Amino acid sequence: MSRPSIHIVDDDPDIRDGLAWLFNSRGYAPITWDGGTTFLAAAQTHRSHWGAAVVLMDMRMAPLSGQATFEQLKAMGCPWPVLFLTGHGDVSMAVATVKNGAWDFLEKPFQDNELVDRVAQALAAASAAQDGDTEARRLRQALASLSPREREVLDELIQGHYNKTIADHLGITPRTVEFHRANIFDKMGVSSAIELAHKLGQLHPIK
């Protein structure tokens, strides 16, 4: 898995550089952007595979505000948690943005340790979400690789049917059922019908 990124979006070069120095000093490798427009252009290139990342963004930017940047990021379907940095006068706007899907906000001036902790929490959430997305893609690819007969056997397995019952339903021998069952378990990466049903339940609706 690629290392999670921290995107710092701020049109004030002093704040941007200060935040980059802070996260560099804590062992992170931040990426800085001088505004919403350049950041969104870069984000577009990740649409086929977002990966794990966190966005640390100033609320008050020009010409594209943090709020407007966030709306466009959401419209792209971007899953990255967004943490806003805001001045006192923008707190109500930041609260509304969090209710609209942003991860969190911090009011300036903030404590460095608190900011780093909040970003670490957001990174953990982003990484967990990426793991879940990767597993879902793997399972869908595995399902697509099943033969028509294997898919029939799978449908019987997740209903809790035994090999002999499946053989009777499909008009094949129990030995053939066992062969297909072993192939299904291997392709899906499971060791039991219960585990198979559990994983498929996470893909609802199954496609």
N, C-alpha and C. Protein backbone atom coordinates (compact mmCIF):
# COMPACT_ATOMS: atom_id res chain seq x y z
N MET A 1 0.84 -1.20 0.00
CA MET A 1 0.00 0.00 0.00
C MET A 1 0.88 1.25 0.00
N SER A 2 0.48 2.25 -0.82
CA SER A 2 1.24 3.49 -0.86
C SER A 2 1.07 4.27 0.44
N ARG A 3 2.08 5.07 0.77
CA ARG A 3 2.04 5.83 2.01
C ARG A 3 0.99 6.94 1.93
N PRO A 4 0.20 7.11 2.97
CA PRO A 4 -0.81 8.18 2.94
C PRO A 4 -0.17 9.55 2.80
N SER A 5 -0.87 10.45 2.10
CA SER A 5 -0.36 11.80 1.86
C SER A 5 -1.12 12.82 2.71
N ILE A 6 -0.45 13.93 3.02
CA ILE A 6 -1.09 15.08 3.66
C ILE A 6 -1.02 16.23 2.67
N HIS A 7 -2.16 16.67 2.19
CA HIS A 7 -2.22 17.79 1.25
C HIS A 7 -2.53 19.07 2.03
N ILE A 8 -1.61 20.02 2.00
CA ILE A 8 -1.78 21.30 2.68
C ILE A 8 -2.17 22.34 1.63
N VAL A 9 -3.39 22.89 1.78
CA VAL A 9 -3.92 23.83 0.79
C VAL A 9 -4.14 25.18 1.47
N ASP A 10 -3.30 26.16 1.12
CA ASP A 10 -3.39 27.48 1.75
C ASP A 10 -2.75 28.50 0.82
N ASP A 11 -3.42 29.66 0.64
CA ASP A 11 -2.87 30.67 -0.27
C ASP A 11 -1.87 31.60 0.41
N ASP A 12 -1.63 31.40 1.71
CA ASP A 12 -0.63 32.17 2.44
C ASP A 12 0.67 31.36 2.49
N PRO A 13 1.72 31.79 1.79
CA PRO A 13 2.94 30.98 1.73
C PRO A 13 3.60 30.77 3.08
N ASP A 14 3.49 31.74 3.99
CA ASP A 14 4.11 31.58 5.31
C ASP A 14 3.42 30.47 6.10
N ILE A 15 2.11 30.47 6.11
CA ILE A 15 1.37 29.42 6.81
C ILE A 15 1.61 28.06 6.15
N ARG A 16 1.58 28.06 4.83
CA ARG A 16 1.80 26.83 4.08
C ARG A 16 3.16 26.23 4.41
N ASP A 17 4.19 27.06 4.38
CA ASP A 17 5.54 26.56 4.66
C ASP A 17 5.68 26.13 6.12
N GLY A 18 5.03 26.89 7.03
CA GLY A 18 5.09 26.53 8.45
C GLY A 18 4.45 25.18 8.72
N LEU A 19 3.31 24.92 8.09
CA LEU A 19 2.64 23.63 8.27
C LEU A 19 3.46 22.50 7.66
N ALA A 20 4.06 22.77 6.50
CA ALA A 20 4.91 21.75 5.87
C ALA A 20 6.09 21.40 6.78
N TRP A 21 6.70 22.44 7.38
CA TRP A 21 7.83 22.20 8.29
C TRP A 21 7.37 21.37 9.49
N LEU A 22 6.19 21.71 10.04
CA LEU A 22 5.66 20.98 11.20
C LEU A 22 5.51 19.50 10.90
N PHE A 23 4.88 19.19 9.79
CA PHE A 23 4.62 17.78 9.48
C PHE A 23 5.88 17.06 9.04
N ASN A 24 6.77 17.76 8.37
CA ASN A 24 8.07 17.15 8.06
C ASN A 24 8.82 16.79 9.34
N SER A 25 8.75 17.67 10.34
CA SER A 25 9.46 17.43 11.60
C SER A 25 8.88 16.26 12.38
N ARG A 26 7.63 15.89 12.07
CA ARG A 26 6.99 14.76 12.74
C ARG A 26 7.04 13.48 11.92
N GLY A 27 7.82 13.50 10.84
CA GLY A 27 8.03 12.28 10.07
C GLY A 27 7.07 12.07 8.91
N TYR A 28 6.25 13.07 8.62
CA TYR A 28 5.34 12.97 7.48
C TYR A 28 5.99 13.59 6.24
N ALA A 29 5.37 13.35 5.09
CA ALA A 29 5.86 13.95 3.83
C ALA A 29 4.71 14.73 3.20
N PRO A 30 4.47 15.96 3.66
CA PRO A 30 3.34 16.74 3.16
C PRO A 30 3.55 17.25 1.75
N ILE A 31 2.44 17.51 1.07
CA ILE A 31 2.45 18.12 -0.26
C ILE A 31 1.69 19.44 -0.14
N THR A 32 2.28 20.53 -0.63
CA THR A 32 1.65 21.85 -0.46
C THR A 32 1.06 22.35 -1.77
N TRP A 33 -0.04 23.12 -1.63
CA TRP A 33 -0.74 23.71 -2.76
C TRP A 33 -1.06 25.16 -2.42
N ASP A 34 -0.92 26.06 -3.41
CA ASP A 34 -1.10 27.48 -3.14
C ASP A 34 -2.55 27.95 -3.27
N GLY A 35 -3.47 27.01 -3.47
CA GLY A 35 -4.88 27.38 -3.55
C GLY A 35 -5.74 26.22 -4.00
N GLY A 36 -7.05 26.44 -3.96
CA GLY A 36 -7.98 25.38 -4.31
C GLY A 36 -7.90 24.95 -5.76
N THR A 37 -7.64 25.89 -6.66
CA THR A 37 -7.64 25.57 -8.08
C THR A 37 -6.53 24.58 -8.44
N THR A 38 -5.32 24.86 -7.98
CA THR A 38 -4.20 23.96 -8.29
C THR A 38 -4.38 22.61 -7.61
N PHE A 39 -4.92 22.64 -6.38
CA PHE A 39 -5.13 21.39 -5.67
C PHE A 39 -6.17 20.52 -6.38
N LEU A 40 -7.28 21.11 -6.80
CA LEU A 40 -8.33 20.35 -7.47
C LEU A 40 -7.83 19.76 -8.79
N ALA A 41 -7.00 20.51 -9.50
CA ALA A 41 -6.44 19.99 -10.76
C ALA A 41 -5.60 18.75 -10.50
N ALA A 42 -4.83 18.77 -9.40
CA ALA A 42 -4.02 17.60 -9.04
C ALA A 42 -4.90 16.45 -8.57
N ALA A 43 -5.95 16.77 -7.81
CA ALA A 43 -6.84 15.73 -7.30
C ALA A 43 -7.52 14.98 -8.44
N GLN A 44 -7.81 15.69 -9.52
CA GLN A 44 -8.46 15.05 -10.67
C GLN A 44 -7.66 13.84 -11.17
N THR A 45 -6.34 13.92 -11.07
CA THR A 45 -5.49 12.85 -11.59
C THR A 45 -5.57 11.58 -10.75
N HIS A 46 -6.17 11.67 -9.55
CA HIS A 46 -6.27 10.51 -8.65
C HIS A 46 -7.62 9.81 -8.76
N ARG A 47 -8.51 10.28 -9.66
CA ARG A 47 -9.88 9.80 -9.64
C ARG A 47 -10.00 8.31 -9.90
N SER A 48 -9.07 7.72 -10.65
CA SER A 48 -9.15 6.28 -10.92
C SER A 48 -8.71 5.46 -9.71
N HIS A 49 -7.89 6.05 -8.85
CA HIS A 49 -7.46 5.35 -7.63
C HIS A 49 -7.05 6.41 -6.61
N TRP A 50 -7.95 6.71 -5.70
CA TRP A 50 -7.71 7.80 -4.75
C TRP A 50 -6.58 7.52 -3.79
N GLY A 51 -6.47 6.28 -3.31
CA GLY A 51 -5.48 6.01 -2.28
C GLY A 51 -5.89 6.67 -0.96
N ALA A 52 -4.99 6.63 0.01
CA ALA A 52 -5.26 7.21 1.34
C ALA A 52 -4.56 8.55 1.45
N ALA A 53 -5.32 9.59 1.82
CA ALA A 53 -4.75 10.92 1.99
C ALA A 53 -5.66 11.75 2.89
N VAL A 54 -5.11 12.84 3.41
CA VAL A 54 -5.86 13.80 4.22
C VAL A 54 -5.60 15.18 3.65
N VAL A 55 -6.64 16.02 3.66
CA VAL A 55 -6.51 17.39 3.17
C VAL A 55 -6.60 18.36 4.35
N LEU A 56 -5.58 19.20 4.50
CA LEU A 56 -5.55 20.24 5.53
C LEU A 56 -5.70 21.56 4.79
N MET A 57 -6.85 22.24 4.96
CA MET A 57 -7.18 23.35 4.08
C MET A 57 -7.65 24.58 4.85
N ASP A 58 -7.18 25.73 4.39
CA ASP A 58 -7.62 27.00 4.97
C ASP A 58 -9.04 27.30 4.49
N MET A 59 -9.88 27.81 5.37
CA MET A 59 -11.25 28.13 5.01
C MET A 59 -11.31 29.36 4.11
N ARG A 60 -10.49 30.39 4.44
CA ARG A 60 -10.57 31.67 3.73
C ARG A 60 -9.42 31.78 2.73
N MET A 61 -9.70 31.41 1.46
CA MET A 61 -8.70 31.51 0.40
C MET A 61 -9.31 32.28 -0.77
N ALA A 62 -8.46 32.79 -1.64
CA ALA A 62 -8.91 33.49 -2.84
C ALA A 62 -8.09 32.98 -4.03
N PRO A 63 -8.68 32.88 -5.23
CA PRO A 63 -10.06 33.25 -5.54
C PRO A 63 -11.08 32.18 -5.16
N LEU A 64 -10.63 30.94 -4.96
CA LEU A 64 -11.55 29.84 -4.62
C LEU A 64 -11.47 29.57 -3.12
N SER A 65 -12.57 29.76 -2.42
CA SER A 65 -12.57 29.58 -0.97
C SER A 65 -12.40 28.10 -0.61
N GLY A 66 -12.06 27.86 0.67
CA GLY A 66 -11.95 26.49 1.13
C GLY A 66 -13.27 25.74 1.00
N GLN A 67 -14.36 26.42 1.31
CA GLN A 67 -15.68 25.80 1.22
C GLN A 67 -16.01 25.42 -0.22
N ALA A 68 -15.73 26.31 -1.17
CA ALA A 68 -16.00 26.01 -2.58
C ALA A 68 -15.10 24.89 -3.08
N THR A 69 -13.85 24.87 -2.62
CA THR A 69 -12.93 23.80 -2.99
C THR A 69 -13.45 22.46 -2.48
N PHE A 70 -13.93 22.46 -1.24
CA PHE A 70 -14.46 21.23 -0.64
C PHE A 70 -15.67 20.72 -1.43
N GLU A 71 -16.56 21.62 -1.85
CA GLU A 71 -17.74 21.22 -2.61
C GLU A 71 -17.33 20.55 -3.92
N GLN A 72 -16.33 21.10 -4.59
CA GLN A 72 -15.88 20.50 -5.84
C GLN A 72 -15.19 19.16 -5.61
N LEU A 73 -14.46 19.06 -4.50
CA LEU A 73 -13.81 17.80 -4.15
C LEU A 73 -14.85 16.72 -3.90
N LYS A 74 -15.93 17.08 -3.18
CA LYS A 74 -17.01 16.13 -2.94
C LYS A 74 -17.67 15.71 -4.25
N ALA A 75 -17.86 16.66 -5.16
CA ALA A 75 -18.50 16.36 -6.44
C ALA A 75 -17.69 15.36 -7.25
N MET A 76 -16.37 15.35 -7.04
CA MET A 76 -15.50 14.37 -7.71
C MET A 76 -15.67 12.96 -7.13
N GLY A 77 -16.27 12.89 -5.94
CA GLY A 77 -16.35 11.61 -5.25
C GLY A 77 -15.11 11.31 -4.44
N CYS A 78 -14.34 12.34 -4.11
CA CYS A 78 -13.09 12.15 -3.37
C CYS A 78 -13.38 11.70 -1.93
N PRO A 79 -12.75 10.61 -1.47
CA PRO A 79 -13.00 10.11 -0.12
C PRO A 79 -12.07 10.68 0.95
N TRP A 80 -11.15 11.57 0.58
CA TRP A 80 -10.15 12.04 1.53
C TRP A 80 -10.80 12.89 2.63
N PRO A 81 -10.47 12.61 3.90
CA PRO A 81 -10.95 13.48 4.98
C PRO A 81 -10.37 14.89 4.83
N VAL A 82 -11.22 15.90 5.03
CA VAL A 82 -10.80 17.30 4.92
C VAL A 82 -10.91 17.96 6.29
N LEU A 83 -9.79 18.52 6.76
CA LEU A 83 -9.73 19.22 8.04
C LEU A 83 -9.47 20.69 7.74
N PHE A 84 -10.39 21.56 8.17
CA PHE A 84 -10.28 22.99 7.87
C PHE A 84 -9.56 23.74 8.98
N LEU A 85 -8.76 24.72 8.55
CA LEU A 85 -8.15 25.69 9.46
C LEU A 85 -8.91 27.00 9.29
N THR A 86 -9.40 27.56 10.38
CA THR A 86 -10.29 28.70 10.26
C THR A 86 -10.02 29.78 11.29
N GLY A 87 -10.26 31.02 10.90
CA GLY A 87 -10.20 32.13 11.83
C GLY A 87 -11.50 32.21 12.62
N HIS A 88 -11.50 33.02 13.66
CA HIS A 88 -12.66 33.10 14.55
C HIS A 88 -13.95 33.45 13.79
N GLY A 89 -13.85 34.36 12.82
CA GLY A 89 -15.05 34.80 12.10
C GLY A 89 -15.64 33.75 11.19
N ASP A 90 -14.90 32.68 10.94
CA ASP A 90 -15.38 31.64 10.01
C ASP A 90 -15.84 30.37 10.73
N VAL A 91 -15.92 30.40 12.05
CA VAL A 91 -16.25 29.19 12.80
C VAL A 91 -17.62 28.66 12.41
N SER A 92 -18.62 29.53 12.30
CA SER A 92 -19.97 29.06 11.96
C SER A 92 -19.98 28.40 10.58
N MET A 93 -19.20 28.97 9.65
CA MET A 93 -19.09 28.39 8.31
C MET A 93 -18.41 27.03 8.38
N ALA A 94 -17.38 26.93 9.21
CA ALA A 94 -16.66 25.67 9.34
C ALA A 94 -17.55 24.59 9.95
N VAL A 95 -18.35 24.97 10.94
CA VAL A 95 -19.27 24.01 11.56
C VAL A 95 -20.25 23.49 10.51
N ALA A 96 -20.79 24.40 9.69
CA ALA A 96 -21.73 23.99 8.64
C ALA A 96 -21.06 23.06 7.64
N THR A 97 -19.79 23.33 7.35
CA THR A 97 -19.08 22.49 6.38
C THR A 97 -18.82 21.10 6.95
N VAL A 98 -18.54 21.01 8.24
CA VAL A 98 -18.36 19.70 8.89
C VAL A 98 -19.68 18.92 8.83
N LYS A 99 -20.78 19.61 9.08
CA LYS A 99 -22.09 18.95 8.98
C LYS A 99 -22.36 18.47 7.56
N ASN A 100 -21.70 19.11 6.60
CA ASN A 100 -21.87 18.76 5.19
C ASN A 100 -20.85 17.72 4.73
N GLY A 101 -20.07 17.18 5.65
CA GLY A 101 -19.20 16.07 5.29
C GLY A 101 -17.72 16.25 5.52
N ALA A 102 -17.30 17.47 5.91
CA ALA A 102 -15.87 17.65 6.21
C ALA A 102 -15.51 16.87 7.48
N TRP A 103 -14.24 16.54 7.63
CA TRP A 103 -13.80 15.72 8.76
C TRP A 103 -13.85 16.49 10.08
N ASP A 104 -13.29 17.71 10.08
CA ASP A 104 -13.18 18.48 11.32
C ASP A 104 -12.66 19.87 10.96
N PHE A 105 -12.56 20.73 11.97
CA PHE A 105 -11.92 22.03 11.77
C PHE A 105 -11.18 22.42 13.05
N LEU A 106 -10.19 23.26 12.89
CA LEU A 106 -9.43 23.80 14.02
C LEU A 106 -9.40 25.32 13.89
N GLU A 107 -9.66 25.99 14.98
CA GLU A 107 -9.65 27.45 14.97
C GLU A 107 -8.24 27.96 15.26
N LYS A 108 -7.79 28.93 14.49
CA LYS A 108 -6.49 29.56 14.71
C LYS A 108 -6.58 30.53 15.90
N PRO A 109 -5.52 30.66 16.70
CA PRO A 109 -4.29 29.85 16.65
C PRO A 109 -4.54 28.49 17.30
N PHE A 110 -3.90 27.47 16.78
CA PHE A 110 -4.09 26.12 17.30
C PHE A 110 -2.77 25.58 17.84
N GLN A 111 -2.87 24.58 18.68
CA GLN A 111 -1.68 23.91 19.21
C GLN A 111 -1.14 22.92 18.17
N ASP A 112 0.18 22.94 17.96
CA ASP A 112 0.77 22.04 16.97
C ASP A 112 0.43 20.58 17.25
N ASN A 113 0.56 20.19 18.53
CA ASN A 113 0.31 18.78 18.86
C ASN A 113 -1.14 18.39 18.58
N GLU A 114 -2.06 19.30 18.85
CA GLU A 114 -3.47 19.01 18.60
C GLU A 114 -3.71 18.83 17.11
N LEU A 115 -3.11 19.69 16.30
CA LEU A 115 -3.27 19.58 14.85
C LEU A 115 -2.71 18.26 14.34
N VAL A 116 -1.51 17.92 14.78
CA VAL A 116 -0.88 16.67 14.33
C VAL A 116 -1.72 15.47 14.76
N ASP A 117 -2.26 15.50 15.98
CA ASP A 117 -3.11 14.40 16.46
C ASP A 117 -4.37 14.27 15.61
N ARG A 118 -4.99 15.40 15.29
CA ARG A 118 -6.22 15.36 14.48
C ARG A 118 -5.93 14.79 13.10
N VAL A 119 -4.83 15.21 12.52
CA VAL A 119 -4.47 14.72 11.19
C VAL A 119 -4.14 13.22 11.25
N ALA A 120 -3.46 12.78 12.31
CA ALA A 120 -3.14 11.36 12.46
C ALA A 120 -4.43 10.53 12.54
N GLN A 121 -5.43 11.04 13.26
CA GLN A 121 -6.72 10.34 13.35
C GLN A 121 -7.39 10.26 11.98
N ALA A 122 -7.34 11.36 11.24
CA ALA A 122 -7.94 11.37 9.91
C ALA A 122 -7.20 10.42 8.96
N LEU A 123 -5.86 10.37 9.07
CA LEU A 123 -5.09 9.45 8.24
C LEU A 123 -5.44 8.00 8.54
N ALA A 124 -5.64 7.69 9.83
CA ALA A 124 -6.02 6.33 10.21
C ALA A 124 -7.37 5.96 9.60
N ALA A 125 -8.30 6.91 9.61
CA ALA A 125 -9.62 6.67 9.02
C ALA A 125 -9.51 6.50 7.50
N ALA A 126 -8.66 7.32 6.87
CA ALA A 126 -8.48 7.23 5.41
C ALA A 126 -7.85 5.89 5.03
N SER A 127 -6.87 5.44 5.81
CA SER A 127 -6.21 4.16 5.52
C SER A 127 -7.18 3.00 5.70
N ALA A 128 -8.01 3.05 6.75
CA ALA A 128 -9.00 2.00 6.98
C ALA A 128 -10.00 1.94 5.84
N ALA A 129 -10.43 3.12 5.38
CA ALA A 129 -11.39 3.17 4.27
C ALA A 129 -10.77 2.61 3.00
N GLN A 130 -9.48 2.92 2.78
CA GLN A 130 -8.80 2.40 1.59
C GLN A 130 -8.70 0.89 1.65
N ASP A 131 -8.38 0.35 2.84
CA ASP A 131 -8.30 -1.11 2.99
C ASP A 131 -9.64 -1.75 2.64
N GLY A 132 -10.72 -1.13 3.13
CA GLY A 132 -12.04 -1.67 2.85
C GLY A 132 -12.37 -1.62 1.37
N ASP A 133 -12.01 -0.53 0.70
CA ASP A 133 -12.27 -0.39 -0.73
C ASP A 133 -11.45 -1.41 -1.53
N THR A 134 -10.20 -1.63 -1.11
CA THR A 134 -9.34 -2.58 -1.81
C THR A 134 -9.90 -3.99 -1.70
N GLU A 135 -10.37 -4.37 -0.52
CA GLU A 135 -10.94 -5.70 -0.32
C GLU A 135 -12.23 -5.86 -1.13
N ALA A 136 -13.05 -4.81 -1.17
CA ALA A 136 -14.29 -4.88 -1.94
C ALA A 136 -13.99 -5.07 -3.43
N ARG A 137 -12.99 -4.35 -3.94
CA ARG A 137 -12.62 -4.53 -5.35
C ARG A 137 -12.12 -5.94 -5.61
N ARG A 138 -11.31 -6.47 -4.68
CA ARG A 138 -10.80 -7.82 -4.86
C ARG A 138 -11.93 -8.84 -4.91
N LEU A 139 -12.91 -8.69 -4.00
CA LEU A 139 -14.02 -9.63 -3.96
C LEU A 139 -14.86 -9.55 -5.23
N ARG A 140 -15.08 -8.33 -5.73
CA ARG A 140 -15.87 -8.19 -6.96
C ARG A 140 -15.14 -8.82 -8.15
N GLN A 141 -13.82 -8.64 -8.18
CA GLN A 141 -13.04 -9.26 -9.26
C GLN A 141 -13.08 -10.79 -9.14
N ALA A 142 -13.02 -11.28 -7.90
CA ALA A 142 -13.10 -12.73 -7.69
C ALA A 142 -14.45 -13.27 -8.13
N LEU A 143 -15.52 -12.56 -7.79
CA LEU A 143 -16.87 -12.98 -8.22
C LEU A 143 -16.96 -13.04 -9.74
N ALA A 144 -16.39 -12.03 -10.38
CA ALA A 144 -16.46 -11.97 -11.84
C ALA A 144 -15.68 -13.12 -12.49
N SER A 145 -14.70 -13.67 -11.77
CA SER A 145 -13.87 -14.74 -12.33
C SER A 145 -14.51 -16.11 -12.20
N LEU A 146 -15.62 -16.21 -11.46
CA LEU A 146 -16.29 -17.51 -11.29
C LEU A 146 -16.98 -17.92 -12.59
N SER A 147 -16.93 -19.22 -12.87
CA SER A 147 -17.65 -19.74 -14.03
C SER A 147 -19.15 -19.75 -13.71
N PRO A 148 -20.01 -19.87 -14.73
CA PRO A 148 -21.46 -19.94 -14.46
C PRO A 148 -21.83 -21.05 -13.47
N ARG A 149 -21.19 -22.21 -13.62
CA ARG A 149 -21.49 -23.32 -12.69
C ARG A 149 -21.01 -23.00 -11.29
N GLU A 150 -19.81 -22.40 -11.17
CA GLU A 150 -19.31 -22.01 -9.85
C GLU A 150 -20.24 -21.00 -9.20
N ARG A 151 -20.79 -20.10 -9.99
CA ARG A 151 -21.72 -19.11 -9.43
C ARG A 151 -22.99 -19.79 -8.92
N GLU A 152 -23.45 -20.83 -9.63
CA GLU A 152 -24.62 -21.59 -9.17
C GLU A 152 -24.33 -22.28 -7.85
N VAL A 153 -23.14 -22.89 -7.76
CA VAL A 153 -22.76 -23.57 -6.51
C VAL A 153 -22.62 -22.54 -5.39
N LEU A 154 -22.03 -21.38 -5.68
CA LEU A 154 -21.90 -20.33 -4.67
C LEU A 154 -23.27 -19.92 -4.13
N ASP A 155 -24.24 -19.72 -5.01
CA ASP A 155 -25.58 -19.32 -4.57
C ASP A 155 -26.18 -20.36 -3.63
N GLU A 156 -25.90 -21.62 -3.89
CA GLU A 156 -26.40 -22.69 -3.02
C GLU A 156 -25.65 -22.69 -1.68
N LEU A 157 -24.34 -22.49 -1.75
CA LEU A 157 -23.52 -22.50 -0.53
C LEU A 157 -23.97 -21.44 0.46
N ILE A 158 -24.22 -20.21 -0.03
CA ILE A 158 -24.54 -19.13 0.90
C ILE A 158 -25.97 -19.26 1.44
N GLN A 159 -26.73 -20.19 0.89
CA GLN A 159 -28.03 -20.50 1.48
C GLN A 159 -27.91 -21.59 2.54
N GLY A 160 -26.67 -22.09 2.74
CA GLY A 160 -26.43 -23.07 3.79
C GLY A 160 -26.67 -24.51 3.38
N HIS A 161 -26.76 -24.75 2.08
CA HIS A 161 -27.04 -26.10 1.60
C HIS A 161 -25.79 -26.98 1.65
N TYR A 162 -25.98 -28.27 1.93
CA TYR A 162 -24.88 -29.23 1.95
C TYR A 162 -24.57 -29.69 0.53
N ASN A 163 -23.39 -30.33 0.39
CA ASN A 163 -22.95 -30.76 -0.93
C ASN A 163 -23.97 -31.66 -1.62
N LYS A 164 -24.53 -32.62 -0.88
CA LYS A 164 -25.48 -33.56 -1.50
C LYS A 164 -26.73 -32.83 -1.99
N THR A 165 -27.20 -31.88 -1.18
CA THR A 165 -28.38 -31.10 -1.58
C THR A 165 -28.09 -30.27 -2.82
N ILE A 166 -26.91 -29.65 -2.83
CA ILE A 166 -26.51 -28.85 -3.99
C ILE A 166 -26.43 -29.74 -5.24
N ALA A 167 -25.85 -30.95 -5.08
CA ALA A 167 -25.74 -31.88 -6.20
C ALA A 167 -27.12 -32.23 -6.75
N ASP A 168 -28.07 -32.50 -5.86
CA ASP A 168 -29.44 -32.82 -6.29
C ASP A 168 -30.08 -31.65 -7.01
N HIS A 169 -29.90 -30.45 -6.47
CA HIS A 169 -30.50 -29.26 -7.08
C HIS A 169 -29.95 -28.98 -8.48
N LEU A 170 -28.64 -29.21 -8.65
CA LEU A 170 -27.98 -28.84 -9.91
C LEU A 170 -27.82 -30.01 -10.87
N GLY A 171 -28.17 -31.21 -10.42
CA GLY A 171 -28.07 -32.38 -11.28
C GLY A 171 -26.64 -32.80 -11.57
N ILE A 172 -25.77 -32.65 -10.56
CA ILE A 172 -24.38 -33.06 -10.70
C ILE A 172 -24.02 -33.95 -9.51
N THR A 173 -22.81 -34.52 -9.53
CA THR A 173 -22.42 -35.42 -8.44
C THR A 173 -21.86 -34.62 -7.26
N PRO A 174 -21.96 -35.17 -6.04
CA PRO A 174 -21.35 -34.50 -4.88
C PRO A 174 -19.86 -34.24 -5.06
N ARG A 175 -19.18 -35.16 -5.75
CA ARG A 175 -17.74 -34.96 -5.98
C ARG A 175 -17.50 -33.71 -6.84
N THR A 176 -18.36 -33.51 -7.84
CA THR A 176 -18.24 -32.32 -8.69
C THR A 176 -18.53 -31.06 -7.88
N VAL A 177 -19.51 -31.14 -6.98
CA VAL A 177 -19.81 -30.01 -6.11
C VAL A 177 -18.58 -29.67 -5.27
N GLU A 178 -17.94 -30.70 -4.73
CA GLU A 178 -16.76 -30.48 -3.89
C GLU A 178 -15.64 -29.82 -4.69
N PHE A 179 -15.49 -30.22 -5.94
CA PHE A 179 -14.47 -29.62 -6.82
C PHE A 179 -14.77 -28.13 -7.02
N HIS A 180 -16.02 -27.81 -7.35
CA HIS A 180 -16.38 -26.40 -7.56
C HIS A 180 -16.25 -25.61 -6.26
N ARG A 181 -16.63 -26.23 -5.16
CA ARG A 181 -16.56 -25.57 -3.85
C ARG A 181 -15.12 -25.17 -3.53
N ALA A 182 -14.18 -26.09 -3.79
CA ALA A 182 -12.77 -25.81 -3.52
C ALA A 182 -12.28 -24.66 -4.40
N ASN A 183 -12.69 -24.63 -5.66
CA ASN A 183 -12.29 -23.55 -6.56
C ASN A 183 -12.86 -22.21 -6.10
N ILE A 184 -14.11 -22.23 -5.66
CA ILE A 184 -14.75 -20.99 -5.19
C ILE A 184 -14.03 -20.45 -3.97
N PHE A 185 -13.74 -21.32 -3.01
CA PHE A 185 -13.06 -20.89 -1.79
C PHE A 185 -11.68 -20.32 -2.12
N ASP A 186 -11.00 -20.96 -3.08
CA ASP A 186 -9.66 -20.50 -3.45
C ASP A 186 -9.74 -19.12 -4.11
N LYS A 187 -10.66 -18.95 -5.04
CA LYS A 187 -10.78 -17.67 -5.76
C LYS A 187 -11.23 -16.54 -4.82
N MET A 188 -12.13 -16.86 -3.92
CA MET A 188 -12.69 -15.83 -3.03
C MET A 188 -11.82 -15.59 -1.81
N GLY A 189 -10.83 -16.46 -1.57
CA GLY A 189 -9.92 -16.27 -0.43
C GLY A 189 -10.57 -16.55 0.90
N VAL A 190 -11.42 -17.59 0.95
CA VAL A 190 -12.11 -17.95 2.20
C VAL A 190 -11.85 -19.42 2.50
N SER A 191 -12.18 -19.82 3.74
CA SER A 191 -11.96 -21.21 4.13
C SER A 191 -13.24 -21.92 4.55
N SER A 192 -14.37 -21.20 4.53
CA SER A 192 -15.64 -21.82 4.92
C SER A 192 -16.80 -21.10 4.24
N ALA A 193 -17.95 -21.78 4.20
CA ALA A 193 -19.14 -21.17 3.61
C ALA A 193 -19.62 -19.98 4.46
N ILE A 194 -19.40 -20.07 5.78
CA ILE A 194 -19.81 -18.98 6.67
C ILE A 194 -18.98 -17.73 6.37
N GLU A 195 -17.66 -17.92 6.22
CA GLU A 195 -16.80 -16.78 5.88
C GLU A 195 -17.17 -16.20 4.52
N LEU A 196 -17.52 -17.09 3.58
CA LEU A 196 -17.93 -16.65 2.26
C LEU A 196 -19.18 -15.78 2.34
N ALA A 197 -20.17 -16.24 3.09
CA ALA A 197 -21.41 -15.49 3.23
C ALA A 197 -21.16 -14.15 3.90
N HIS A 198 -20.26 -14.13 4.88
CA HIS A 198 -19.94 -12.88 5.59
C HIS A 198 -19.31 -11.86 4.64
N LYS A 199 -18.36 -12.32 3.83
CA LYS A 199 -17.69 -11.40 2.90
C LYS A 199 -18.66 -10.89 1.84
N LEU A 200 -19.50 -11.77 1.34
CA LEU A 200 -20.47 -11.34 0.32
C LEU A 200 -21.50 -10.38 0.91
N GLY A 201 -21.79 -10.53 2.20
CA GLY A 201 -22.72 -9.61 2.85
C GLY A 201 -22.18 -8.20 2.89
N GLN A 202 -20.85 -8.07 2.89
CA GLN A 202 -20.23 -6.75 2.89
C GLN A 202 -20.29 -6.07 1.53
N LEU A 203 -20.65 -6.84 0.51
CA LEU A 203 -20.71 -6.29 -0.85
C LEU A 203 -22.14 -5.96 -1.27
N HIS A 204 -23.05 -5.91 -0.34
CA HIS A 204 -24.46 -5.68 -0.67
C HIS A 204 -24.65 -4.31 -1.35
N PRO A 205 -25.30 -4.28 -2.53
CA PRO A 205 -25.84 -5.44 -3.22
C PRO A 205 -24.74 -6.18 -4.00
N ILE A 206 -24.82 -7.50 -4.04
CA ILE A 206 -23.81 -8.31 -4.73
C ILE A 206 -23.98 -8.12 -6.23
N LYS A 207 -22.85 -7.81 -6.89
CA LYS A 207 -22.89 -7.59 -8.33
C LYS A 207 -21.97 -8.57 -9.02
